[in-house]
Amino acid sequence: MEKRVIGAVDNETRCRHYNGPLDRIALKCSCCDTYYSCAACHEEHTGRAFQPIPETEMHVPAVLCGSCQNEMTPASYISCGDQCPHCRAPFNPGCKNHYAMYFSWKSGGVK
């Protein structure tokens, strides 16, 4: 069953902000429990900043692979090595640069 992703312009969760061939991740905003293609999509659709996933929820599914619709926990996504652990579709390695925006316990970059 395909998950609804706000801001997605294709069936792999790409959006107008991030639409390269490896951009296929959607994240749940902790304030509204809804998947968005990116933080900018969240802000455009809600008028509010994306609320990072708190560390207490790092083991709750909140990251979606746009290729196979596999839901991952933030912890498993961060440790997956730039590819979906389920279907092996590659993820954009540059996403690591945005961890602090999406995960409250990341102060920036990979730790």
PDB file of N, CA and C in Angstrom:
ATOM      1  N   MET A   1       0.840  -1.182   0.000  1.00  0.00           N
ATOM      2  CA  MET A   1       0.000   0.000   0.000  1.00  0.00           C
ATOM      3  C   MET A   1       0.889   1.250   0.000  1.00  0.00           C
ATOM      4  N   GLU A   2       0.670   2.106  -0.957  1.00  0.00           N
ATOM      5  CA  GLU A   2       1.491   3.305  -1.084  1.00  0.00           C
ATOM      6  C   GLU A   2       1.107   4.337  -0.027  1.00  0.00           C
ATOM      7  N   LYS A   3       2.111   4.868   0.650  1.00  0.00           N
ATOM      8  CA  LYS A   3       1.917   5.892   1.678  1.00  0.00           C
ATOM      9  C   LYS A   3       1.736   7.251   1.012  1.00  0.00           C
ATOM     10  N   ARG A   4       0.929   8.099   1.605  1.00  0.00           N
ATOM     11  CA  ARG A   4       0.754   9.460   1.108  1.00  0.00           C
ATOM     12  C   ARG A   4       1.920  10.305   1.594  1.00  0.00           C
ATOM     13  N   VAL A   5       2.551  11.022   0.652  1.00  0.00           N
ATOM     14  CA  VAL A   5       3.679  11.882   0.964  1.00  0.00           C
ATOM     15  C   VAL A   5       3.352  13.280   0.446  1.00  0.00           C
ATOM     16  N   ILE A   6       3.250  14.232   1.358  1.00  0.00           N
ATOM     17  CA  ILE A   6       2.932  15.604   0.991  1.00  0.00           C
ATOM     18  C   ILE A   6       4.138  16.239   0.294  1.00  0.00           C
ATOM     19  N   GLY A   7       3.896  16.867  -0.835  1.00  0.00           N
ATOM     20  CA  GLY A   7       4.948  17.523  -1.599  1.00  0.00           C
ATOM     21  C   GLY A   7       5.531  16.660  -2.703  1.00  0.00           C
ATOM     22  N   ALA A   8       5.221  15.374  -2.712  1.00  0.00           N
ATOM     23  CA  ALA A   8       5.789  14.471  -3.710  1.00  0.00           C
ATOM     24  C   ALA A   8       5.252  14.797  -5.100  1.00  0.00           C
ATOM     25  N   VAL A   9       6.152  14.801  -6.080  1.00  0.00           N
ATOM     26  CA  VAL A   9       5.759  15.038  -7.471  1.00  0.00           C
ATOM     27  C   VAL A   9       5.881  13.778  -8.320  1.00  0.00           C
ATOM     28  N   ASP A  10       6.341  12.685  -7.723  1.00  0.00           N
ATOM     29  CA  ASP A  10       6.386  11.405  -8.421  1.00  0.00           C
ATOM     30  C   ASP A  10       6.175  10.282  -7.411  1.00  0.00           C
ATOM     31  N   ASN A  11       6.163   9.054  -7.884  1.00  0.00           N
ATOM     32  CA  ASN A  11       5.864   7.931  -6.996  1.00  0.00           C
ATOM     33  C   ASN A  11       7.055   7.472  -6.160  1.00  0.00           C
ATOM     34  N   GLU A  12       8.186   8.169  -6.238  1.00  0.00           N
ATOM     35  CA  GLU A  12       9.335   7.838  -5.394  1.00  0.00           C
ATOM     36  C   GLU A  12       9.624   8.939  -4.371  1.00  0.00           C
ATOM     37  N   THR A  13       8.678   9.774  -4.108  1.00  0.00           N
ATOM     38  CA  THR A  13       8.681  10.828  -3.077  1.00  0.00           C
ATOM     39  C   THR A  13       9.533  12.046  -3.401  1.00  0.00           C
ATOM     40  N   ARG A  14      10.037  12.171  -4.643  1.00  0.00           N
ATOM     41  CA  ARG A  14      10.785  13.374  -4.997  1.00  0.00           C
ATOM     42  C   ARG A  14       9.846  14.578  -4.952  1.00  0.00           C
ATOM     43  N   CYS A  15      10.443  15.752  -4.765  1.00  0.00           N
ATOM     44  CA  CYS A  15       9.646  16.981  -4.715  1.00  0.00           C
ATOM     45  C   CYS A  15      10.303  18.040  -5.589  1.00  0.00           C
ATOM     46  N   ARG A  16       9.722  19.226  -5.611  1.00  0.00           N
ATOM     47  CA  ARG A  16      10.306  20.275  -6.450  1.00  0.00           C
ATOM     48  C   ARG A  16      11.637  20.783  -5.894  1.00  0.00           C
ATOM     49  N   HIS A  17      11.893  20.552  -4.611  1.00  0.00           N
ATOM     50  CA  HIS A  17      13.137  20.994  -3.990  1.00  0.00           C
ATOM     51  C   HIS A  17      14.269  19.976  -4.181  1.00  0.00           C
ATOM     52  N   TYR A  18      13.929  18.713  -4.076  1.00  0.00           N
ATOM     53  CA  TYR A  18      14.903  17.618  -4.185  1.00  0.00           C
ATOM     54  C   TYR A  18      14.353  16.602  -5.172  1.00  0.00           C
ATOM     55  N   ASN A  19      14.876  16.616  -6.390  1.00  0.00           N
ATOM     56  CA  ASN A  19      14.300  15.758  -7.429  1.00  0.00           C
ATOM     57  C   ASN A  19      15.356  15.049  -8.265  1.00  0.00           C
ATOM     58  N   GLY A  20      16.506  14.812  -7.670  1.00  0.00           N
ATOM     59  CA  GLY A  20      17.542  14.046  -8.355  1.00  0.00           C
ATOM     60  C   GLY A  20      17.208  12.565  -8.347  1.00  0.00           C
ATOM     61  N   PRO A  21      17.919  11.777  -9.117  1.00  0.00           N
ATOM     62  CA  PRO A  21      17.607  10.349  -9.212  1.00  0.00           C
ATOM     63  C   PRO A  21      17.735   9.590  -7.887  1.00  0.00           C
ATOM     64  N   LEU A  22      18.539  10.090  -6.938  1.00  0.00           N
ATOM     65  CA  LEU A  22      18.716   9.399  -5.659  1.00  0.00           C
ATOM     66  C   LEU A  22      17.844   9.968  -4.546  1.00  0.00           C
ATOM     67  N   ASP A  23      17.080  11.004  -4.837  1.00  0.00           N
ATOM     68  CA  ASP A  23      16.211  11.626  -3.826  1.00  0.00           C
ATOM     69  C   ASP A  23      14.912  10.830  -3.735  1.00  0.00           C
ATOM     70  N   ARG A  24      14.884   9.871  -2.812  1.00  0.00           N
ATOM     71  CA  ARG A  24      13.719   8.996  -2.691  1.00  0.00           C
ATOM     72  C   ARG A  24      13.389   8.686  -1.234  1.00  0.00           C
ATOM     73  N   ILE A  25      13.572   9.668  -0.367  1.00  0.00           N
ATOM     74  CA  ILE A  25      13.271   9.505   1.051  1.00  0.00           C
ATOM     75  C   ILE A  25      12.203  10.518   1.449  1.00  0.00           C
ATOM     76  N   ALA A  26      11.270  10.080   2.259  1.00  0.00           N
ATOM     77  CA  ALA A  26      10.301  10.986   2.886  1.00  0.00           C
ATOM     78  C   ALA A  26      10.420  10.787   4.394  1.00  0.00           C
ATOM     79  N   LEU A  27      10.133  11.851   5.133  1.00  0.00           N
ATOM     80  CA  LEU A  27      10.247  11.796   6.592  1.00  0.00           C
ATOM     81  C   LEU A  27       8.968  12.271   7.249  1.00  0.00           C
ATOM     82  N   LYS A  28       8.651  11.667   8.392  1.00  0.00           N
ATOM     83  CA  LYS A  28       7.494  12.093   9.175  1.00  0.00           C
ATOM     84  C   LYS A  28       7.890  13.259  10.050  1.00  0.00           C
ATOM     85  N   CYS A  29       7.076  14.287  10.018  1.00  0.00           N
ATOM     86  CA  CYS A  29       7.288  15.413  10.919  1.00  0.00           C
ATOM     87  C   CYS A  29       6.703  15.024  12.270  1.00  0.00           C
ATOM     88  N   SER A  30       7.434  15.269  13.333  1.00  0.00           N
ATOM     89  CA  SER A  30       6.965  14.842  14.652  1.00  0.00           C
ATOM     90  C   SER A  30       5.767  15.656  15.138  1.00  0.00           C
ATOM     91  N   CYS A  31       5.551  16.856  14.592  1.00  0.00           N
ATOM     92  CA  CYS A  31       4.420  17.665  15.074  1.00  0.00           C
ATOM     93  C   CYS A  31       3.097  17.257  14.434  1.00  0.00           C
ATOM     94  N   CYS A  32       3.139  16.640  13.263  1.00  0.00           N
ATOM     95  CA  CYS A  32       1.869  16.307  12.603  1.00  0.00           C
ATOM     96  C   CYS A  32       1.768  14.852  12.166  1.00  0.00           C
ATOM     97  N   ASP A  33       2.795  14.058  12.439  1.00  0.00           N
ATOM     98  CA  ASP A  33       2.780  12.619  12.162  1.00  0.00           C
ATOM     99  C   ASP A  33       2.398  12.311  10.712  1.00  0.00           C
ATOM    100  N   THR A  34       2.914  13.114   9.782  1.00  0.00           N
ATOM    101  CA  THR A  34       2.625  12.976   8.358  1.00  0.00           C
ATOM    102  C   THR A  34       3.934  12.961   7.592  1.00  0.00           C
ATOM    103  N   TYR A  35       3.992  12.149   6.528  1.00  0.00           N
ATOM    104  CA  TYR A  35       5.184  12.114   5.691  1.00  0.00           C
ATOM    105  C   TYR A  35       5.218  13.322   4.758  1.00  0.00           C
ATOM    106  N   TYR A  36       6.422  13.923   4.643  1.00  0.00           N
ATOM    107  CA  TYR A  36       6.695  15.022   3.721  1.00  0.00           C
ATOM    108  C   TYR A  36       7.947  14.673   2.933  1.00  0.00           C
ATOM    109  N   SER A  37       8.005  15.157   1.700  1.00  0.00           N
ATOM    110  CA  SER A  37       9.194  14.916   0.884  1.00  0.00           C
ATOM    111  C   SER A  37      10.424  15.585   1.466  1.00  0.00           C
ATOM    112  N   CYS A  38      10.248  16.770   2.051  1.00  0.00           N
ATOM    113  CA  CYS A  38      11.370  17.474   2.666  1.00  0.00           C
ATOM    114  C   CYS A  38      10.834  18.519   3.641  1.00  0.00           C
ATOM    115  N   ALA A  39      11.721  19.137   4.385  1.00  0.00           N
ATOM    116  CA  ALA A  39      11.317  20.154   5.360  1.00  0.00           C
ATOM    117  C   ALA A  39      10.695  21.367   4.675  1.00  0.00           C
ATOM    118  N   ALA A  40      11.205  21.729   3.498  1.00  0.00           N
ATOM    119  CA  ALA A  40      10.629  22.871   2.772  1.00  0.00           C
ATOM    120  C   ALA A  40       9.200  22.569   2.335  1.00  0.00           C
ATOM    121  N   CYS A  41       8.919  21.349   1.933  1.00  0.00           N
ATOM    122  CA  CYS A  41       7.546  20.965   1.578  1.00  0.00           C
ATOM    123  C   CYS A  41       6.635  21.090   2.797  1.00  0.00           C
ATOM    124  N   HIS A  42       7.116  20.669   3.957  1.00  0.00           N
ATOM    125  CA  HIS A  42       6.334  20.790   5.178  1.00  0.00           C
ATOM    126  C   HIS A  42       5.992  22.246   5.442  1.00  0.00           C
ATOM    127  N   GLU A  43       6.998  23.105   5.371  1.00  0.00           N
ATOM    128  CA  GLU A  43       6.772  24.516   5.660  1.00  0.00           C
ATOM    129  C   GLU A  43       5.809  25.150   4.649  1.00  0.00           C
ATOM    130  N   GLU A  44       5.942  24.793   3.375  1.00  0.00           N
ATOM    131  CA  GLU A  44       5.042  25.326   2.350  1.00  0.00           C
ATOM    132  C   GLU A  44       3.589  24.904   2.574  1.00  0.00           C
ATOM    133  N   HIS A  45       3.390  23.666   3.018  1.00  0.00           N
ATOM    134  CA  HIS A  45       2.035  23.137   3.164  1.00  0.00           C
ATOM    135  C   HIS A  45       1.396  23.449   4.510  1.00  0.00           C
ATOM    136  N   THR A  46       2.198  23.720   5.528  1.00  0.00           N
ATOM    137  CA  THR A  46       1.636  23.960   6.863  1.00  0.00           C
ATOM    138  C   THR A  46       1.869  25.376   7.376  1.00  0.00           C
ATOM    139  N   GLY A  47       2.855  26.072   6.820  1.00  0.00           N
ATOM    140  CA  GLY A  47       3.207  27.392   7.327  1.00  0.00           C
ATOM    141  C   GLY A  47       4.051  27.339   8.592  1.00  0.00           C
ATOM    142  N   ARG A  48       4.505  26.139   8.968  1.00  0.00           N
ATOM    143  CA  ARG A  48       5.325  25.955  10.171  1.00  0.00           C
ATOM    144  C   ARG A  48       6.612  25.225   9.812  1.00  0.00           C
ATOM    145  N   ALA A  49       7.611  25.433  10.636  1.00  0.00           N
ATOM    146  CA  ALA A  49       8.881  24.731  10.441  1.00  0.00           C
ATOM    147  C   ALA A  49       8.708  23.239  10.756  1.00  0.00           C
ATOM    148  N   PHE A  50       9.470  22.407  10.056  1.00  0.00           N
ATOM    149  CA  PHE A  50       9.499  20.968  10.310  1.00  0.00           C
ATOM    150  C   PHE A  50      10.047  20.737  11.708  1.00  0.00           C
ATOM    151  N   GLN A  51       9.384  19.919  12.490  1.00  0.00           N
ATOM    152  CA  GLN A  51       9.850  19.583  13.839  1.00  0.00           C
ATOM    153  C   GLN A  51      10.651  18.286  13.770  1.00  0.00           C
ATOM    154  N   PRO A  52      11.930  18.345  14.110  1.00  0.00           N
ATOM    155  CA  PRO A  52      12.769  17.148  14.033  1.00  0.00           C
ATOM    156  C   PRO A  52      12.230  16.009  14.897  1.00  0.00           C
ATOM    157  N   ILE A  53      12.514  14.817  14.462  1.00  0.00           N
ATOM    158  CA  ILE A  53      12.122  13.626  15.205  1.00  0.00           C
ATOM    159  C   ILE A  53      12.954  13.587  16.483  1.00  0.00           C
ATOM    160  N   PRO A  54      12.309  13.473  17.651  1.00  0.00           N
ATOM    161  CA  PRO A  54      13.070  13.455  18.906  1.00  0.00           C
ATOM    162  C   PRO A  54      13.820  12.131  19.091  1.00  0.00           C
ATOM    163  N   GLU A  55      14.890  12.199  19.862  1.00  0.00           N
ATOM    164  CA  GLU A  55      15.699  11.008  20.106  1.00  0.00           C
ATOM    165  C   GLU A  55      14.881   9.887  20.732  1.00  0.00           C
ATOM    166  N   THR A  56      13.872  10.235  21.509  1.00  0.00           N
ATOM    167  CA  THR A  56      13.019   9.211  22.139  1.00  0.00           C
ATOM    168  C   THR A  56      12.236   8.405  21.106  1.00  0.00           C
ATOM    169  N   GLU A  57      12.175   8.897  19.859  1.00  0.00           N
ATOM    170  CA  GLU A  57      11.449   8.192  18.795  1.00  0.00           C
ATOM    171  C   GLU A  57      12.377   7.662  17.707  1.00  0.00           C
ATOM    172  N   MET A  58      13.651   7.521  18.025  1.00  0.00           N
ATOM    173  CA  MET A  58      14.601   7.061  17.012  1.00  0.00           C
ATOM    174  C   MET A  58      14.367   5.608  16.599  1.00  0.00           C
ATOM    175  N   HIS A  59      13.550   4.871  17.362  1.00  0.00           N
ATOM    176  CA  HIS A  59      13.250   3.477  17.014  1.00  0.00           C
ATOM    177  C   HIS A  59      11.795   3.293  16.591  1.00  0.00           C
ATOM    178  N   VAL A  60      11.139   4.398  16.211  1.00  0.00           N
ATOM    179  CA  VAL A  60       9.752   4.380  15.722  1.00  0.00           C
ATOM    180  C   VAL A  60       9.792   4.654  14.218  1.00  0.00           C
ATOM    181  N   PRO A  61       9.106   3.864  13.388  1.00  0.00           N
ATOM    182  CA  PRO A  61       9.145   4.113  11.940  1.00  0.00           C
ATOM    183  C   PRO A  61       8.759   5.554  11.598  1.00  0.00           C
ATOM    184  N   ALA A  62       9.656   6.234  10.866  1.00  0.00           N
ATOM    185  CA  ALA A  62       9.410   7.630  10.505  1.00  0.00           C
ATOM    186  C   ALA A  62      10.139   8.040   9.228  1.00  0.00           C
ATOM    187  N   VAL A  63      10.775   7.085   8.549  1.00  0.00           N
ATOM    188  CA  VAL A  63      11.492   7.353   7.306  1.00  0.00           C
ATOM    189  C   VAL A  63      10.953   6.369   6.270  1.00  0.00           C
ATOM    190  N   LEU A  64      10.643   6.877   5.094  1.00  0.00           N
ATOM    191  CA  LEU A  64      10.017   6.063   4.051  1.00  0.00           C
ATOM    192  C   LEU A  64      10.903   6.001   2.816  1.00  0.00           C
ATOM    193  N   CYS A  65      11.151   4.805   2.330  1.00  0.00           N
ATOM    194  CA  CYS A  65      11.842   4.630   1.052  1.00  0.00           C
ATOM    195  C   CYS A  65      10.822   4.835  -0.056  1.00  0.00           C
ATOM    196  N   GLY A  66      11.067   5.799  -0.919  1.00  0.00           N
ATOM    197  CA  GLY A  66      10.142   6.069  -2.009  1.00  0.00           C
ATOM    198  C   GLY A  66      10.137   4.996  -3.073  1.00  0.00           C
ATOM    199  N   SER A  67      11.150   4.161  -3.105  1.00  0.00           N
ATOM    200  CA  SER A  67      11.234   3.117  -4.113  1.00  0.00           C
ATOM    201  C   SER A  67      10.343   1.923  -3.775  1.00  0.00           C
ATOM    202  N   CYS A  68      10.403   1.456  -2.529  1.00  0.00           N
ATOM    203  CA  CYS A  68       9.647   0.246  -2.162  1.00  0.00           C
ATOM    204  C   CYS A  68       8.596   0.476  -1.079  1.00  0.00           C
ATOM    205  N   GLN A  69       8.512   1.712  -0.552  1.00  0.00           N
ATOM    206  CA  GLN A  69       7.560   2.064   0.502  1.00  0.00           C
ATOM    207  C   GLN A  69       7.899   1.430   1.853  1.00  0.00           C
ATOM    208  N   ASN A  70       9.116   0.944   2.004  1.00  0.00           N
ATOM    209  CA  ASN A  70       9.557   0.388   3.278  1.00  0.00           C
ATOM    210  C   ASN A  70       9.689   1.514   4.302  1.00  0.00           C
ATOM    211  N   GLU A  71       9.083   1.325   5.462  1.00  0.00           N
ATOM    212  CA  GLU A  71       9.228   2.283   6.549  1.00  0.00           C
ATOM    213  C   GLU A  71      10.386   1.844   7.432  1.00  0.00           C
ATOM    214  N   MET A  72      11.234   2.803   7.767  1.00  0.00           N
ATOM    215  CA  MET A  72      12.396   2.536   8.606  1.00  0.00           C
ATOM    216  C   MET A  72      12.348   3.424   9.835  1.00  0.00           C
ATOM    217  N   THR A  73      13.022   2.998  10.858  1.00  0.00           N
ATOM    218  CA  THR A  73      13.212   3.878  12.002  1.00  0.00           C
ATOM    219  C   THR A  73      14.332   4.850  11.640  1.00  0.00           C
ATOM    220  N   PRO A  74      14.378   6.019  12.269  1.00  0.00           N
ATOM    221  CA  PRO A  74      15.510   6.908  12.015  1.00  0.00           C
ATOM    222  C   PRO A  74      16.853   6.227  12.294  1.00  0.00           C
ATOM    223  N   ALA A  75      16.915   5.433  13.350  1.00  0.00           N
ATOM    224  CA  ALA A  75      18.165   4.743  13.685  1.00  0.00           C
ATOM    225  C   ALA A  75      18.597   3.803  12.557  1.00  0.00           C
ATOM    226  N   SER A  76      17.664   3.035  12.003  1.00  0.00           N
ATOM    227  CA  SER A  76      18.044   2.116  10.925  1.00  0.00           C
ATOM    228  C   SER A  76      18.364   2.873   9.643  1.00  0.00           C
ATOM    229  N   TYR A  77      17.665   3.973   9.386  1.00  0.00           N
ATOM    230  CA  TYR A  77      17.967   4.783   8.200  1.00  0.00           C
ATOM    231  C   TYR A  77      19.378   5.365   8.282  1.00  0.00           C
ATOM    232  N   ILE A  78      19.722   5.917   9.419  1.00  0.00           N
ATOM    233  CA  ILE A  78      21.033   6.539   9.588  1.00  0.00           C
ATOM    234  C   ILE A  78      22.157   5.513   9.433  1.00  0.00           C
ATOM    235  N   SER A  79      21.895   4.280   9.835  1.00  0.00           N
ATOM    236  CA  SER A  79      22.946   3.256   9.768  1.00  0.00           C
ATOM    237  C   SER A  79      22.898   2.398   8.504  1.00  0.00           C
ATOM    238  N   CYS A  80      21.996   2.687   7.573  1.00  0.00           N
ATOM    239  CA  CYS A  80      21.792   1.792   6.418  1.00  0.00           C
ATOM    240  C   CYS A  80      22.829   1.924   5.311  1.00  0.00           C
ATOM    241  N   GLY A  81      23.667   2.929   5.347  1.00  0.00           N
ATOM    242  CA  GLY A  81      24.726   3.025   4.345  1.00  0.00           C
ATOM    243  C   GLY A  81      24.271   3.524   2.984  1.00  0.00           C
ATOM    244  N   ASP A  82      23.413   4.501   2.932  1.00  0.00           N
ATOM    245  CA  ASP A  82      22.989   5.149   1.686  1.00  0.00           C
ATOM    246  C   ASP A  82      22.231   4.239   0.716  1.00  0.00           C
ATOM    247  N   GLN A  83      21.575   3.216   1.252  1.00  0.00           N
ATOM    248  CA  GLN A  83      20.693   2.406   0.413  1.00  0.00           C
ATOM    249  C   GLN A  83      19.611   1.791   1.292  1.00  0.00           C
ATOM    250  N   CYS A  84      18.485   1.537   0.694  1.00  0.00           N
ATOM    251  CA  CYS A  84      17.380   0.940   1.439  1.00  0.00           C
ATOM    252  C   CYS A  84      17.768  -0.462   1.899  1.00  0.00           C
ATOM    253  N   PRO A  85      17.592  -0.758   3.171  1.00  0.00           N
ATOM    254  CA  PRO A  85      17.925  -2.100   3.645  1.00  0.00           C
ATOM    255  C   PRO A  85      16.958  -3.171   3.116  1.00  0.00           C
ATOM    256  N   HIS A  86      15.824  -2.743   2.586  1.00  0.00           N
ATOM    257  CA  HIS A  86      14.824  -3.683   2.078  1.00  0.00           C
ATOM    258  C   HIS A  86      15.004  -3.967   0.586  1.00  0.00           C
ATOM    259  N   CYS A  87      15.034  -2.905  -0.255  1.00  0.00           N
ATOM    260  CA  CYS A  87      15.097  -3.105  -1.704  1.00  0.00           C
ATOM    261  C   CYS A  87      16.457  -2.755  -2.314  1.00  0.00           C
ATOM    262  N   ARG A  88      17.370  -2.199  -1.521  1.00  0.00           N
ATOM    263  CA  ARG A  88      18.720  -1.821  -1.939  1.00  0.00           C
ATOM    264  C   ARG A  88      18.757  -0.625  -2.901  1.00  0.00           C
ATOM    265  N   ALA A  89      17.649   0.090  -3.053  1.00  0.00           N
ATOM    266  CA  ALA A  89      17.663   1.308  -3.877  1.00  0.00           C
ATOM    267  C   ALA A  89      18.619   2.306  -3.232  1.00  0.00           C
ATOM    268  N   PRO A  90      19.462   2.949  -4.021  1.00  0.00           N
ATOM    269  CA  PRO A  90      20.411   3.903  -3.448  1.00  0.00           C
ATOM    270  C   PRO A  90      19.730   5.192  -3.001  1.00  0.00           C
ATOM    271  N   PHE A  91      20.223   5.750  -1.899  1.00  0.00           N
ATOM    272  CA  PHE A  91      19.751   7.029  -1.381  1.00  0.00           C
ATOM    273  C   PHE A  91      20.816   8.089  -1.647  1.00  0.00           C
ATOM    274  N   ASN A  92      20.401   9.331  -1.653  1.00  0.00           N
ATOM    275  CA  ASN A  92      21.316  10.441  -1.862  1.00  0.00           C
ATOM    276  C   ASN A  92      22.266  10.549  -0.664  1.00  0.00           C
ATOM    277  N   PRO A  93      23.568  10.353  -0.875  1.00  0.00           N
ATOM    278  CA  PRO A  93      24.503  10.449   0.253  1.00  0.00           C
ATOM    279  C   PRO A  93      24.557  11.854   0.848  1.00  0.00           C
ATOM    280  N   GLY A  94      24.133  12.870   0.092  1.00  0.00           N
ATOM    281  CA  GLY A  94      24.097  14.235   0.601  1.00  0.00           C
ATOM    282  C   GLY A  94      23.044  14.466   1.663  1.00  0.00           C
ATOM    283  N   CYS A  95      22.133  13.527   1.829  1.00  0.00           N
ATOM    284  CA  CYS A  95      21.097  13.670   2.863  1.00  0.00           C
ATOM    285  C   CYS A  95      21.723  13.772   4.255  1.00  0.00           C
ATOM    286  N   LYS A  96      22.897  13.215   4.430  1.00  0.00           N
ATOM    287  CA  LYS A  96      23.575  13.298   5.728  1.00  0.00           C
ATOM    288  C   LYS A  96      23.772  14.751   6.160  1.00  0.00           C
ATOM    289  N   ASN A  97      23.902  15.640   5.186  1.00  0.00           N
ATOM    290  CA  ASN A  97      24.095  17.053   5.487  1.00  0.00           C
ATOM    291  C   ASN A  97      22.863  17.692   6.131  1.00  0.00           C
ATOM    292  N   HIS A  98      21.732  17.004   6.085  1.00  0.00           N
ATOM    293  CA  HIS A  98      20.478  17.536   6.611  1.00  0.00           C
ATOM    294  C   HIS A  98      19.993  16.805   7.862  1.00  0.00           C
ATOM    295  N   TYR A  99      20.795  15.915   8.404  1.00  0.00           N
ATOM    296  CA  TYR A  99      20.364  15.150   9.576  1.00  0.00           C
ATOM    297  C   TYR A  99      19.898  16.046  10.720  1.00  0.00           C
ATOM    298  N   ALA A 100      20.593  17.135  10.981  1.00  0.00           N
ATOM    299  CA  ALA A 100      20.227  18.011  12.104  1.00  0.00           C
ATOM    300  C   ALA A 100      18.837  18.607  11.917  1.00  0.00           C
ATOM    301  N   MET A 101      18.406  18.774  10.684  1.00  0.00           N
ATOM    302  CA  MET A 101      17.083  19.316  10.400  1.00  0.00           C
ATOM    303  C   MET A 101      15.981  18.293  10.700  1.00  0.00           C
ATOM    304  N   TYR A 102      16.297  17.016  10.535  1.00  0.00           N
ATOM    305  CA  TYR A 102      15.292  15.969  10.654  1.00  0.00           C
ATOM    306  C   TYR A 102      15.365  15.148  11.940  1.00  0.00           C
ATOM    307  N   PHE A 103      16.520  15.103  12.565  1.00  0.00           N
ATOM    308  CA  PHE A 103      16.714  14.281  13.753  1.00  0.00           C
ATOM    309  C   PHE A 103      17.273  15.148  14.872  1.00  0.00           C
ATOM    310  N   SER A 104      16.523  15.321  15.950  1.00  0.00           N
ATOM    311  CA  SER A 104      16.885  16.282  16.996  1.00  0.00           C
ATOM    312  C   SER A 104      18.219  15.980  17.679  1.00  0.00           C
ATOM    313  N   TRP A 105      18.638  14.734  17.698  1.00  0.00           N
ATOM    314  CA  TRP A 105      19.869  14.372  18.393  1.00  0.00           C
ATOM    315  C   TRP A 105      21.117  14.524  17.513  1.00  0.00           C
ATOM    316  N   LYS A 106      20.938  14.968  16.280  1.00  0.00           N
ATOM    317  CA  LYS A 106      22.081  15.185  15.389  1.00  0.00           C
ATOM    318  C   LYS A 106      22.373  16.688  15.347  1.00  0.00           C
ATOM    319  N   SER A 107      23.578  17.052  15.658  1.00  0.00           N
ATOM    320  CA  SER A 107      23.918  18.469  15.649  1.00  0.00           C
ATOM    321  C   SER A 107      24.444  18.910  14.297  1.00  0.00           C
ATOM    322  N   GLY A 108      24.456  18.006  13.346  1.00  0.00           N
ATOM    323  CA  GLY A 108      24.933  18.312  11.995  1.00  0.00           C
ATOM    324  C   GLY A 108      25.917  17.270  11.532  1.00  0.00           C
ATOM    325  N   GLY A 109      25.754  16.846  10.289  1.00  0.00           N
ATOM    326  CA  GLY A 109      26.647  15.837   9.741  1.00  0.00           C
ATOM    327  C   GLY A 109      26.471  14.498  10.416  1.00  0.00           C
ATOM    328  N   VAL A 110      27.313  13.581  10.103  1.00  0.00           N
ATOM    329  CA  VAL A 110      27.243  12.247  10.675  1.00  0.00           C
ATOM    330  C   VAL A 110      28.103  12.191  11.915  1.00  0.00           C
ATOM    331  N   LYS A 111      27.577  11.601  12.965  1.00  0.00           N
ATOM    332  CA  LYS A 111      28.353  11.434  14.195  1.00  0.00           C
ATOM    333  C   LYS A 111      28.855  10.027  14.293  1.00  0.00           C
TER     334      LYS A 111
END
